Amino acid sequence: ESYMKATGEGFALGLSSFWFDLDRQPLGFDADAEVDDAPERWRFGAWGWGRDRIAVCCDAVSSPSLDVRQCEPW
């Protein structure tokens, strides 16, 4: 989902047009030729704490990082 949002296509891109190889480090990523995108253009990150997870996709010119802050209602 983070890749679909990062491309600007959203769910119109289609979940079957790209895939990940979770056994590769760093995370393997590839897309169908119709997507017309260079897989090396993207960087991905995933973090978890407790039962919660977050995944981030960004252009290769930056590296994903995450600052987590717990907020309490006023």
C-alpha atoms as a PDB file:
ATOM      1  CA  GLU A   1       0.000   0.000   0.000  1.00  0.00           C
ATOM      2  CA  SER A   2       2.806   2.447   0.782  1.00  0.00           C
ATOM      3  CA  TYR A   3       4.265   1.899  -2.719  1.00  0.00           C
ATOM      4  CA  MET A   4       0.889   2.508  -4.376  1.00  0.00           C
ATOM      5  CA  LYS A   5       0.510   5.759  -2.448  1.00  0.00           C
ATOM      6  CA  ALA A   6       4.095   6.857  -3.140  1.00  0.00           C
ATOM      7  CA  THR A   7       3.601   6.455  -6.904  1.00  0.00           C
ATOM      8  CA  GLY A   8       0.466   8.589  -6.769  1.00  0.00           C
ATOM      9  CA  GLU A   9      -1.540   5.824  -8.437  1.00  0.00           C
ATOM     10  CA  GLY A  10      -3.161   4.475  -5.295  1.00  0.00           C
ATOM     11  CA  PHE A  11      -5.225   1.313  -5.624  1.00  0.00           C
ATOM     12  CA  ALA A  12      -5.653   2.009  -9.375  1.00  0.00           C
ATOM     13  CA  LEU A  13      -2.125   0.596  -9.732  1.00  0.00           C
ATOM     14  CA  GLY A  14      -3.387  -2.861  -8.775  1.00  0.00           C
ATOM     15  CA  LEU A  15      -1.929  -5.218  -6.201  1.00  0.00           C
ATOM     16  CA  SER A  16      -0.852  -7.790  -8.807  1.00  0.00           C
ATOM     17  CA  SER A  17       1.369  -5.326 -10.730  1.00  0.00           C
ATOM     18  CA  PHE A  18       4.240  -5.432  -8.220  1.00  0.00           C
ATOM     19  CA  TRP A  19       5.664  -7.852  -5.670  1.00  0.00           C
ATOM     20  CA  PHE A  20       8.223  -8.247  -2.904  1.00  0.00           C
ATOM     21  CA  ASP A  21      10.781 -10.951  -2.178  1.00  0.00           C
ATOM     22  CA  LEU A  22      10.745 -11.118   1.613  1.00  0.00           C
ATOM     23  CA  ASP A  23      13.676 -13.564   1.684  1.00  0.00           C
ATOM     24  CA  ARG A  24      16.096 -11.018   0.171  1.00  0.00           C
ATOM     25  CA  GLN A  25      17.969  -8.459   2.228  1.00  0.00           C
ATOM     26  CA  PRO A  26      17.502  -5.646   1.543  1.00  0.00           C
ATOM     27  CA  LEU A  27      13.896  -6.315   0.670  1.00  0.00           C
ATOM     28  CA  GLY A  28      13.517  -7.453  -2.928  1.00  0.00           C
ATOM     29  CA  PHE A  29      11.054  -5.477  -5.055  1.00  0.00           C
ATOM     30  CA  ASP A  30       9.970  -5.717  -8.687  1.00  0.00           C
ATOM     31  CA  ALA A  31       7.114  -4.500 -10.872  1.00  0.00           C
ATOM     32  CA  ASP A  32       5.457  -5.523 -14.137  1.00  0.00           C
ATOM     33  CA  ALA A  33       6.765  -3.885 -17.312  1.00  0.00           C
ATOM     34  CA  GLU A  34       3.376  -2.148 -17.726  1.00  0.00           C
ATOM     35  CA  VAL A  35       4.019  -0.242 -14.501  1.00  0.00           C
ATOM     36  CA  ASP A  36       6.947   1.531 -16.239  1.00  0.00           C
ATOM     37  CA  ASP A  37       8.894   2.011 -13.029  1.00  0.00           C
ATOM     38  CA  ALA A  38      12.471   1.264 -12.028  1.00  0.00           C
ATOM     39  CA  PRO A  39      12.520  -0.891  -8.868  1.00  0.00           C
ATOM     40  CA  GLU A  40      15.872   0.600  -7.801  1.00  0.00           C
ATOM     41  CA  ARG A  41      14.132   3.982  -7.559  1.00  0.00           C
ATOM     42  CA  TRP A  42      12.386   2.968  -4.323  1.00  0.00           C
ATOM     43  CA  ARG A  43      13.409   2.351  -0.715  1.00  0.00           C
ATOM     44  CA  PHE A  44      11.250   0.524   1.791  1.00  0.00           C
ATOM     45  CA  GLY A  45      11.191   0.273   5.533  1.00  0.00           C
ATOM     46  CA  ALA A  46       9.071  -1.684   7.985  1.00  0.00           C
ATOM     47  CA  TRP A  47       8.880  -1.324  11.726  1.00  0.00           C
ATOM     48  CA  GLY A  48       6.896  -2.930  14.479  1.00  0.00           C
ATOM     49  CA  TRP A  49       6.245  -2.453  18.136  1.00  0.00           C
ATOM     50  CA  GLY A  50       3.981  -4.766  20.020  1.00  0.00           C
ATOM     51  CA  ARG A  51       1.202  -5.920  17.703  1.00  0.00           C
ATOM     52  CA  ASP A  52       1.380  -2.790  15.526  1.00  0.00           C
ATOM     53  CA  ARG A  53       3.273  -2.551  12.225  1.00  0.00           C
ATOM     54  CA  ILE A  54       4.061   0.229   9.775  1.00  0.00           C
ATOM     55  CA  ALA A  55       5.553   0.133   6.266  1.00  0.00           C
ATOM     56  CA  VAL A  56       7.060   3.107   4.447  1.00  0.00           C
ATOM     57  CA  CYS A  57       8.008   3.639   0.819  1.00  0.00           C
ATOM     58  CA  CYS A  58      10.040   6.603  -0.397  1.00  0.00           C
ATOM     59  CA  ASP A  59      12.048   7.708  -3.400  1.00  0.00           C
ATOM     60  CA  ALA A  60      15.630   6.416  -3.388  1.00  0.00           C
ATOM     61  CA  VAL A  61      17.032   9.900  -2.844  1.00  0.00           C
ATOM     62  CA  SER A  62      16.020   9.549   0.798  1.00  0.00           C
ATOM     63  CA  SER A  63      16.162   6.728   3.317  1.00  0.00           C
ATOM     64  CA  PRO A  64      13.080   5.827   5.309  1.00  0.00           C
ATOM     65  CA  SER A  65      13.225   6.540   8.993  1.00  0.00           C
ATOM     66  CA  LEU A  66      10.582   6.627  11.651  1.00  0.00           C
ATOM     67  CA  ASP A  67      10.123   8.533  14.883  1.00  0.00           C
ATOM     68  CA  VAL A  68       7.380   7.062  17.073  1.00  0.00           C
ATOM     69  CA  ARG A  69       5.711   9.142  19.719  1.00  0.00           C
ATOM     70  CA  GLN A  70       2.943   8.122  22.029  1.00  0.00           C
ATOM     71  CA  CYS A  71       0.216  10.710  22.384  1.00  0.00           C
ATOM     72  CA  GLU A  72      -2.155  10.949  25.288  1.00  0.00           C
ATOM     73  CA  PRO A  73      -5.560  12.610  24.926  1.00  0.00           C
ATOM     74  CA  TRP A  74      -5.930  15.883  26.793  1.00  0.00           C
END
